[in-house]
Amino acid sequence: MNKKVAFYTLGCKLNYSETSTIGRQFSKAGFDTVEFTDKADVYVINTCSVTENADKKCRKVVSEALKHSPNAYITIVGCYAQLKPAEIANIPGVDMVLGAAEKFQIIEHITDLTKQPKTLVYNQPIAETNQFVASYSFGDRTRTFLKVQDGCDYSCTFCTIPLARGASRSDTIESVIKQAEDIAASGVKEIVLTGVNLGDFGIRNGNRENKFFDLVKKLDEVNGIDRIRISSIEPNLLTNEIIEFVATSQRFVPHFHIPLQSGSNKILGLMRRRYRRELYTERVAKIKELMPDCCIGVDVIVGFPGETKEDFLDTYNFLNGLDVSYLHVFTYSERENTPAAEMDNRVRGSERADRSKMLHILSEKKRRAFYETQVGKYTQILFEADHKNGFMHGFSRNYVKVKSPYDPLMINELRPVRLTAIAADGDMEIREMAEILVH
């Protein structure tokens, strides 16, 4: 019988695409992929260094895996594995730790599932990690996360990503197009473009060969994909030509996720961000001018060292006045080997929590206000397989989440609908299919 492997992914969409690629390597090697709760022979845990309590989360997942399969071979990969290999090696039950480059040679390293007295660690210096490895998620019939870029050349003072993933590097346009065509042939209707610094696409072997806009134009020509979504892009890299192109595209959807991090120019300077809030305002205004129904998501960090109450209120008021749709709020936490961790004037933990709560409430207000502008409008929903309590969910092109009574015939189908009301749980309800109204 084939050996069984199970996966667990912590963190971002990029991690999910890479886990899926590693999973395909196991399949080619003769392993059967099973659910995490099944009794697997091998567990691969893909970790994140951005989220808080990386060590605690990793330990918990390892412990759960061993509850399901006490003799399983446990391998840890991902950003946390690159940054803290020795720390992970001391977690009871971990058999192997693979760094940023080594994770894609996992089959070569797992030659024997015999547990050794000492955890095996393969982890080269991040400066030597300069190869781009193409990845995309697979298994969700509705959408695929397609990795086109990795690493980052920026030096934000709070971030460990350059230490965990290395310098900026990209796939070729030709390779991305080929993968997009393969994805289209599999029946997937939506591609989400992912990368560490997606807008920096085009660097290969340390040299810039293309721009992200070049990739956007080529992907727009791929037949068989109904939707292409840009996952996250820095405001200084979101050019007017990209915005203008998306506004007229039939494939790229009116949805941008644009990291802000702070609405205070003082704090943006301390963070070493490559823009000021005035540029952010210009980007939002340009988007809304060309795409009034566009959904705009924002990343923001609260409690950065030196952030006074006045600085936070500056951020709050700035966001409150922006025509954006939702916030992803991150509470600042110190990361070793980052300049911010050595800065003075730390914000008390309780104050960080209070500020986070205020922005979460603001995010819900923004989301509801955006949804209210969509009530009564006709749109297309791409329905997903997940269902709960008799309802299934889907998303419009501009990222409005809707709920509808479960119908297996609607899975992975684009259905024209009229958005009729906002449900008590905040999702949009559809009470009438548009094709019925059209007739």
Protein backbone atom coordinates (compact mmCIF):
# COMPACT_ATOMS: atom_id res chain seq x y z
CA MET A 1 0.00 0.00 0.00
CA ASN A 2 1.12 3.56 -0.73
CA LYS A 3 2.33 5.68 2.15
CA LYS A 4 0.00 8.49 3.22
CA VAL A 5 0.89 12.18 3.55
CA ALA A 6 -1.10 15.02 5.11
CA PHE A 7 -0.50 18.77 5.01
CA TYR A 8 -1.19 21.75 7.22
CA THR A 9 -0.60 25.33 6.07
CA LEU A 10 -0.21 28.40 8.23
CA GLY A 11 -0.10 31.91 6.79
CA CYS A 12 -0.60 33.48 3.40
CA LYS A 13 -1.97 32.50 -0.02
CA LEU A 14 1.62 32.06 -1.19
CA ASN A 15 2.11 29.32 1.38
CA TYR A 16 -1.03 27.56 0.16
CA SER A 17 0.20 27.59 -3.43
CA GLU A 18 3.56 26.16 -2.34
CA THR A 19 1.96 23.49 -0.15
CA SER A 20 -0.06 22.37 -3.15
CA THR A 21 3.09 22.15 -5.28
CA ILE A 22 4.84 20.09 -2.61
CA GLY A 23 1.74 17.89 -2.49
CA ARG A 24 2.03 17.17 -6.21
CA GLN A 25 5.63 16.11 -5.65
CA PHE A 26 4.47 13.58 -3.07
CA SER A 27 1.80 12.29 -5.44
CA LYS A 28 4.38 11.74 -8.18
CA ALA A 29 6.50 9.87 -5.64
CA GLY A 30 3.64 7.46 -4.96
CA PHE A 31 2.15 8.92 -1.78
CA ASP A 32 -1.59 9.19 -1.20
CA THR A 33 -2.72 12.57 0.16
CA VAL A 34 -5.13 12.27 3.08
CA GLU A 35 -6.87 14.63 5.47
CA PHE A 36 -4.94 15.94 8.48
CA THR A 37 -7.25 14.01 10.80
CA ASP A 38 -6.51 10.73 9.04
CA LYS A 39 -3.66 8.50 10.15
CA ALA A 40 -0.88 9.72 7.86
CA ASP A 41 2.66 8.33 7.64
CA VAL A 42 4.08 11.80 6.91
CA TYR A 43 2.87 15.24 8.01
CA VAL A 44 4.20 18.35 6.27
CA ILE A 45 3.55 21.58 8.16
CA ASN A 46 4.13 24.78 6.20
CA THR A 47 4.80 27.61 8.65
CA CYS A 48 4.55 31.40 8.72
CA SER A 49 6.71 33.97 10.48
CA VAL A 50 4.36 36.93 10.08
CA THR A 51 1.57 35.81 12.38
CA GLU A 52 2.04 36.04 16.12
CA ASN A 53 3.08 33.08 18.26
CA ALA A 54 4.66 31.12 15.38
CA ASP A 55 6.36 28.79 17.84
CA LYS A 56 3.16 28.12 19.80
CA LYS A 57 1.13 27.45 16.65
CA CYS A 58 3.78 25.13 15.23
CA ARG A 59 3.97 23.14 18.46
CA LYS A 60 0.19 22.78 18.60
CA VAL A 61 -0.08 21.50 15.02
CA VAL A 62 2.75 19.00 15.63
CA SER A 63 1.02 17.80 18.80
CA GLU A 64 -2.29 17.36 16.97
CA ALA A 65 -0.63 15.43 14.15
CA LEU A 66 0.95 13.02 16.62
CA LYS A 67 -2.41 12.49 18.33
CA HIS A 68 -3.80 11.24 15.01
CA SER A 69 -0.70 9.23 14.10
CA PRO A 70 1.80 8.78 16.98
CA ASN A 71 4.54 7.30 14.78
CA ALA A 72 4.21 9.74 11.89
CA TYR A 73 7.22 11.44 10.33
CA ILE A 74 6.89 15.20 10.94
CA THR A 75 8.52 17.69 8.57
CA ILE A 76 8.41 21.48 9.07
CA VAL A 77 8.90 23.85 6.12
CA GLY A 78 8.19 27.53 5.40
CA CYS A 79 9.26 30.95 6.63
CA TYR A 80 9.48 30.03 10.31
CA ALA A 81 11.58 27.00 9.39
CA GLN A 82 14.03 29.28 7.58
CA LEU A 83 14.24 31.79 10.42
CA LYS A 84 14.30 29.50 13.47
CA PRO A 85 15.43 25.99 12.43
CA ALA A 86 17.14 25.20 15.74
CA GLU A 87 14.10 26.31 17.72
CA ILE A 88 11.83 24.07 15.64
CA ALA A 89 14.26 21.16 15.89
CA ASN A 90 13.71 21.20 19.67
CA ILE A 91 9.94 20.71 19.35
CA PRO A 92 9.19 17.14 20.48
CA GLY A 93 8.17 14.92 17.58
CA VAL A 94 9.72 16.97 14.75
CA ASP A 95 11.87 14.77 12.49
CA MET A 96 13.02 17.20 9.80
CA VAL A 97 13.27 20.95 9.20
CA LEU A 98 13.68 22.31 5.66
CA GLY A 99 14.60 25.88 4.82
CA ALA A 100 13.36 28.16 2.03
CA ALA A 101 15.33 26.47 -0.75
CA GLU A 102 15.26 22.92 0.58
CA LYS A 103 11.47 22.62 0.95
CA PHE A 104 11.12 22.01 -2.79
CA GLN A 105 13.60 19.11 -2.57
CA ILE A 106 11.53 17.49 0.17
CA ILE A 107 11.17 14.16 -1.66
CA GLU A 108 14.96 13.90 -1.98
CA HIS A 109 15.37 14.51 1.75
CA ILE A 110 12.62 12.12 2.90
CA THR A 111 14.31 8.96 1.73
CA ASP A 112 13.59 7.04 4.90
CA LEU A 113 10.69 7.49 7.29
CA THR A 114 12.64 6.00 10.16
CA LYS A 115 12.74 8.36 13.10
CA GLN A 116 16.28 9.40 14.02
CA PRO A 117 17.60 10.25 17.50
CA LYS A 118 18.23 13.84 16.35
CA THR A 119 16.09 16.10 14.17
CA LEU A 120 17.50 16.52 10.66
CA VAL A 121 17.94 20.17 9.61
CA TYR A 122 18.61 21.33 6.05
CA ASN A 123 18.77 25.10 5.94
CA GLN A 124 21.17 27.12 3.76
CA PRO A 125 21.75 30.88 4.28
CA ILE A 126 18.92 32.92 2.81
CA ALA A 127 21.41 34.88 0.67
CA GLU A 128 22.02 31.67 -1.28
CA THR A 129 18.30 31.18 -1.94
CA ASN A 130 17.94 32.77 -5.36
CA GLN A 131 16.00 30.27 -7.47
CA PHE A 132 12.35 30.87 -8.31
CA VAL A 133 10.17 27.79 -7.95
CA ALA A 134 6.81 27.97 -9.72
CA SER A 135 3.78 27.01 -7.63
CA TYR A 136 0.02 27.04 -7.76
CA SER A 137 -2.70 25.64 -5.54
CA PHE A 138 -4.85 22.81 -6.78
CA GLY A 139 -7.87 20.99 -5.44
CA ASP A 140 -10.26 23.91 -5.08
CA ARG A 141 -12.38 23.70 -8.25
CA THR A 142 -13.34 27.36 -7.98
CA ARG A 143 -10.06 29.30 -7.74
CA THR A 144 -6.30 28.77 -7.89
CA PHE A 145 -3.58 30.78 -6.16
CA LEU A 146 -0.83 31.22 -8.76
CA LYS A 147 2.60 32.25 -7.47
CA VAL A 148 4.43 34.52 -9.92
CA GLN A 149 6.94 36.27 -7.64
CA ASP A 150 8.91 35.48 -4.47
CA GLY A 151 11.17 37.34 -2.03
CA CYS A 152 11.45 41.07 -1.37
CA ASP A 153 14.11 43.77 -1.84
CA TYR A 154 12.31 46.25 0.40
CA SER A 155 13.58 46.84 3.93
CA CYS A 156 10.53 47.71 6.03
CA THR A 157 11.70 47.92 9.63
CA PHE A 158 9.02 45.57 11.01
CA CYS A 159 9.30 42.74 8.48
CA THR A 160 11.18 39.42 8.52
CA ILE A 161 10.07 38.31 5.04
CA PRO A 162 13.36 39.22 3.29
CA LEU A 163 15.15 37.14 5.95
CA ALA A 164 12.77 34.23 5.44
CA ARG A 165 12.35 34.30 1.64
CA GLY A 166 15.35 36.17 0.25
CA ALA A 167 15.69 38.66 -2.56
CA SER A 168 12.97 39.50 -5.08
CA ARG A 169 12.78 37.06 -7.99
CA SER A 170 10.12 36.09 -10.49
CA ASP A 171 8.87 33.51 -12.92
CA THR A 172 9.03 34.22 -16.64
CA ILE A 173 5.94 35.55 -18.38
CA GLU A 174 5.99 32.53 -20.69
CA SER A 175 5.95 30.12 -17.75
CA VAL A 176 3.11 31.97 -16.01
CA ILE A 177 1.02 31.94 -19.18
CA LYS A 178 1.60 28.18 -19.61
CA GLN A 179 0.50 27.54 -16.02
CA ALA A 180 -2.56 29.75 -16.48
CA GLU A 181 -3.51 27.77 -19.59
CA ASP A 182 -3.09 24.49 -17.66
CA ILE A 183 -5.25 25.87 -14.85
CA ALA A 184 -7.91 26.93 -17.35
CA ALA A 185 -7.91 23.44 -18.89
CA SER A 186 -8.61 21.95 -15.43
CA GLY A 187 -11.93 23.81 -15.21
CA VAL A 188 -10.91 26.42 -12.62
CA LYS A 189 -12.64 29.74 -13.27
CA GLU A 190 -10.62 32.16 -11.15
CA ILE A 191 -6.88 32.76 -10.74
CA VAL A 192 -5.54 34.78 -7.81
CA LEU A 193 -2.06 36.14 -8.54
CA THR A 194 0.23 35.87 -5.52
CA GLY A 195 3.74 36.88 -4.51
CA VAL A 196 5.63 38.37 -1.59
CA ASN A 197 5.87 41.72 -3.38
CA LEU A 198 3.64 41.08 -6.38
CA GLY A 199 4.03 44.46 -8.03
CA ASP A 200 7.80 43.93 -8.15
CA PHE A 201 7.33 41.09 -10.66
CA GLY A 202 9.95 40.93 -13.41
CA ILE A 203 13.30 40.48 -11.63
CA ARG A 204 15.31 37.43 -12.70
CA ASN A 205 18.90 36.73 -11.66
CA GLY A 206 19.08 40.16 -10.08
CA ASN A 207 18.07 42.00 -13.25
CA ARG A 208 14.71 43.48 -14.20
CA GLU A 209 13.43 41.82 -17.37
CA ASN A 210 9.77 42.87 -17.26
CA LYS A 211 7.19 44.85 -15.32
CA PHE A 212 4.11 43.55 -13.58
CA PHE A 213 2.01 45.44 -16.12
CA ASP A 214 3.60 43.34 -18.90
CA LEU A 215 2.37 40.19 -17.16
CA VAL A 216 -1.10 41.65 -16.62
CA LYS A 217 -1.52 42.40 -20.32
CA LYS A 218 -0.44 38.90 -21.37
CA LEU A 219 -2.62 37.13 -18.80
CA ASP A 220 -5.63 39.08 -20.00
CA GLU A 221 -5.31 37.20 -23.31
CA VAL A 222 -5.53 33.69 -21.77
CA ASN A 223 -8.74 31.97 -22.82
CA GLY A 224 -10.74 29.81 -20.45
CA ILE A 225 -10.25 31.86 -17.27
CA ASP A 226 -13.21 34.02 -16.33
CA ARG A 227 -11.59 35.97 -13.52
CA ILE A 228 -8.08 37.08 -12.56
CA ARG A 229 -7.67 38.70 -9.15
CA ILE A 230 -4.63 40.65 -7.93
CA SER A 231 -4.10 39.51 -4.34
CA SER A 232 -2.06 42.38 -2.86
CA ILE A 233 0.03 45.16 -4.38
CA GLU A 234 2.07 47.98 -2.85
CA PRO A 235 0.59 51.46 -3.51
CA ASN A 236 3.84 52.72 -5.06
CA LEU A 237 3.76 49.78 -7.52
CA LEU A 238 0.07 50.06 -8.39
CA THR A 239 0.48 52.37 -11.37
CA ASN A 240 -2.21 54.32 -13.17
CA GLU A 241 -1.67 52.13 -16.25
CA ILE A 242 -2.53 49.02 -14.21
CA ILE A 243 -5.63 50.68 -12.75
CA GLU A 244 -6.76 51.90 -16.17
CA PHE A 245 -6.21 48.47 -17.72
CA VAL A 246 -8.17 46.64 -15.00
CA ALA A 247 -11.01 49.14 -15.44
CA THR A 248 -11.52 47.98 -19.04
CA SER A 249 -10.56 44.31 -18.69
CA GLN A 250 -13.10 41.50 -18.96
CA ARG A 251 -10.89 39.14 -16.91
CA PHE A 252 -9.15 41.24 -14.26
CA VAL A 253 -11.71 41.99 -11.58
CA PRO A 254 -12.43 45.32 -9.83
CA HIS A 255 -10.85 44.36 -6.52
CA PHE A 256 -7.55 45.64 -5.12
CA HIS A 257 -5.88 44.87 -1.82
CA ILE A 258 -3.43 47.68 -1.10
CA PRO A 259 -1.25 47.65 2.05
CA LEU A 260 -1.22 50.99 3.88
CA GLN A 261 0.18 49.98 7.32
CA SER A 262 -0.28 53.49 8.78
CA GLY A 263 -2.13 56.67 7.95
CA SER A 264 0.53 58.72 9.75
CA ASN A 265 3.40 59.93 7.58
CA LYS A 266 5.62 59.96 10.67
CA ILE A 267 5.00 56.27 11.29
CA LEU A 268 5.33 55.42 7.58
CA GLY A 269 8.79 56.99 7.75
CA LEU A 270 9.74 54.92 10.81
CA MET A 271 8.50 51.83 8.99
CA ARG A 272 10.59 52.74 5.91
CA ARG A 273 7.58 52.43 3.66
CA ARG A 274 8.18 53.69 0.10
CA TYR A 275 5.27 56.11 -0.10
CA ARG A 276 3.35 58.61 1.98
CA ARG A 277 -0.36 58.76 2.61
CA GLU A 278 -0.91 61.39 -0.09
CA LEU A 279 0.05 58.80 -2.73
CA TYR A 280 -2.36 56.30 -1.16
CA THR A 281 -5.16 58.87 -1.39
CA GLU A 282 -4.37 59.40 -5.08
CA ARG A 283 -4.49 55.66 -5.80
CA VAL A 284 -7.88 55.20 -4.10
CA ALA A 285 -9.30 58.25 -5.90
CA LYS A 286 -8.07 56.99 -9.28
CA ILE A 287 -9.60 53.56 -8.72
CA LYS A 288 -12.96 54.94 -7.64
CA GLU A 289 -13.01 57.42 -10.50
CA LEU A 290 -12.74 54.60 -13.06
CA MET A 291 -14.44 51.80 -11.09
CA PRO A 292 -16.98 53.21 -8.60
CA ASP A 293 -18.02 49.70 -7.51
CA CYS A 294 -14.44 48.49 -7.00
CA CYS A 295 -13.70 46.76 -3.69
CA ILE A 296 -10.56 48.06 -1.95
CA GLY A 297 -8.99 46.22 0.98
CA VAL A 298 -6.37 47.75 3.27
CA ASP A 299 -3.63 46.29 5.49
CA VAL A 300 -2.90 48.38 8.59
CA ILE A 301 -0.62 47.84 11.60
CA VAL A 302 -1.42 49.27 15.04
CA GLY A 303 0.94 49.77 17.96
CA PHE A 304 4.16 50.30 16.01
CA PRO A 305 6.97 51.69 18.21
CA GLY A 306 6.59 55.44 18.54
CA GLU A 307 2.91 55.46 17.56
CA THR A 308 1.30 57.96 19.93
CA LYS A 309 -2.43 58.29 20.49
CA GLU A 310 -2.36 61.25 18.11
CA ASP A 311 -0.60 59.16 15.45
CA PHE A 312 -3.19 56.41 15.80
CA LEU A 313 -6.08 58.87 15.58
CA ASP A 314 -4.38 60.28 12.48
CA THR A 315 -4.55 56.78 10.99
CA TYR A 316 -8.12 56.20 12.17
CA ASN A 317 -9.40 59.47 10.74
CA PHE A 318 -7.50 58.96 7.50
CA LEU A 319 -9.06 55.51 7.01
CA ASN A 320 -12.48 56.72 8.08
CA GLY A 321 -12.41 59.30 5.32
CA LEU A 322 -11.16 56.94 2.60
CA ASP A 323 -13.55 55.23 0.20
CA VAL A 324 -12.29 51.72 1.04
CA SER A 325 -14.22 48.52 1.65
CA TYR A 326 -12.56 46.57 4.47
CA LEU A 327 -9.43 46.46 6.65
CA HIS A 328 -7.00 43.71 7.57
CA VAL A 329 -5.78 44.83 11.00
CA PHE A 330 -2.48 43.57 12.39
CA THR A 331 -1.32 44.24 15.94
CA TYR A 332 2.40 45.00 15.89
CA SER A 333 4.60 42.42 17.58
CA GLU A 334 8.36 42.48 17.90
CA ARG A 335 10.35 40.31 15.46
CA GLU A 336 13.96 39.39 16.15
CA ASN A 337 16.60 40.83 13.81
CA THR A 338 14.38 43.68 12.64
CA PRO A 339 15.20 47.37 13.26
CA ALA A 340 11.74 48.01 14.76
CA ALA A 341 12.42 45.52 17.55
CA GLU A 342 15.22 47.80 18.80
CA MET A 343 13.21 51.03 18.63
CA ASP A 344 12.26 53.01 21.71
CA ASN A 345 8.80 54.18 22.79
CA ARG A 346 7.08 50.83 22.64
CA VAL A 347 3.30 50.88 22.85
CA ARG A 348 1.76 49.01 25.79
CA GLY A 349 0.10 45.70 24.90
CA SER A 350 -3.27 46.84 26.24
CA GLU A 351 -3.09 50.00 24.11
CA ARG A 352 -2.24 47.94 21.02
CA ALA A 353 -5.28 45.76 21.70
CA ASP A 354 -7.59 48.78 22.14
CA ARG A 355 -6.42 50.32 18.87
CA SER A 356 -6.86 47.03 17.07
CA LYS A 357 -10.43 46.75 18.37
CA MET A 358 -11.27 50.25 17.14
CA LEU A 359 -10.04 49.47 13.63
CA HIS A 360 -11.84 46.13 13.53
CA ILE A 361 -15.08 47.97 14.32
CA LEU A 362 -14.27 50.52 11.62
CA SER A 363 -13.62 47.68 9.17
CA GLU A 364 -17.08 46.24 9.79
CA LYS A 365 -18.62 49.68 9.24
CA LYS A 366 -16.68 50.09 5.99
CA ARG A 367 -17.65 46.63 4.78
CA ARG A 368 -21.33 47.15 5.52
CA ALA A 369 -21.31 50.60 3.91
CA PHE A 370 -19.75 49.11 0.77
CA TYR A 371 -22.28 46.28 0.72
CA GLU A 372 -25.15 48.77 1.07
CA THR A 373 -24.01 50.43 -2.16
CA GLN A 374 -24.34 47.06 -3.90
CA VAL A 375 -27.90 46.19 -2.80
CA GLY A 376 -30.24 45.99 -5.77
CA LYS A 377 -27.47 45.61 -8.33
CA TYR A 378 -27.09 42.80 -10.84
CA THR A 379 -23.83 40.85 -10.84
CA GLN A 380 -22.34 37.41 -11.38
CA ILE A 381 -21.48 35.11 -8.48
CA LEU A 382 -18.93 32.32 -8.62
CA PHE A 383 -20.22 29.71 -6.16
CA GLU A 384 -17.92 27.57 -4.03
CA ALA A 385 -18.16 23.99 -2.85
CA ASP A 386 -18.15 24.76 0.88
CA HIS A 387 -21.56 24.81 2.51
CA LYS A 388 -22.83 25.05 6.06
CA ASN A 389 -26.25 25.04 7.72
CA GLY A 390 -27.93 24.57 4.36
CA PHE A 391 -26.23 27.57 2.72
CA MET A 392 -23.44 27.90 0.19
CA HIS A 393 -21.31 30.96 -0.52
CA GLY A 394 -19.80 32.70 -3.49
CA PHE A 395 -18.17 35.97 -4.49
CA SER A 396 -18.93 38.64 -7.04
CA ARG A 397 -16.20 40.09 -9.26
CA ASN A 398 -15.85 42.96 -6.79
CA TYR A 399 -15.56 40.58 -3.80
CA VAL A 400 -19.05 40.81 -2.35
CA LYS A 401 -19.66 37.61 -0.42
CA VAL A 402 -23.13 36.16 -0.92
CA LYS A 403 -25.07 33.30 0.60
CA SER A 404 -27.66 31.15 -1.08
CA PRO A 405 -29.50 27.90 -0.26
CA TYR A 406 -27.17 25.00 -1.03
CA ASP A 407 -27.46 23.60 -4.53
CA PRO A 408 -24.71 21.23 -5.76
CA LEU A 409 -25.49 22.19 -9.35
CA MET A 410 -24.27 25.74 -8.66
CA ILE A 411 -20.77 24.73 -7.47
CA ASN A 412 -18.06 26.34 -9.64
CA GLU A 413 -20.76 28.00 -11.70
CA LEU A 414 -21.04 31.68 -12.58
CA ARG A 415 -24.64 32.70 -11.94
CA PRO A 416 -26.23 36.08 -12.69
CA VAL A 417 -28.04 37.36 -9.62
CA ARG A 418 -29.57 40.43 -8.07
CA LEU A 419 -28.19 41.39 -4.64
CA THR A 420 -31.24 41.95 -2.49
CA ALA A 421 -30.33 42.33 1.19
CA ILE A 422 -27.57 42.12 3.79
CA ALA A 423 -28.04 39.13 6.06
CA ALA A 424 -27.71 39.26 9.84
CA ASP A 425 -24.26 37.63 9.60
CA GLY A 426 -23.06 40.38 7.24
CA ASP A 427 -23.09 38.32 4.03
CA MET A 428 -25.20 39.43 1.09
CA GLU A 429 -28.41 37.56 0.39
CA ILE A 430 -29.79 36.80 -3.06
CA ARG A 431 -33.47 36.02 -3.17
CA GLU A 432 -33.88 36.11 -6.94
CA MET A 433 -31.76 34.74 -9.75
CA ALA A 434 -31.36 37.39 -12.43
CA GLU A 435 -32.19 35.03 -15.28
CA ILE A 436 -35.65 34.62 -13.81
CA LEU A 437 -36.10 38.38 -13.65
CA VAL A 438 -34.81 38.83 -17.19
CA HIS A 439 -37.49 36.47 -18.50
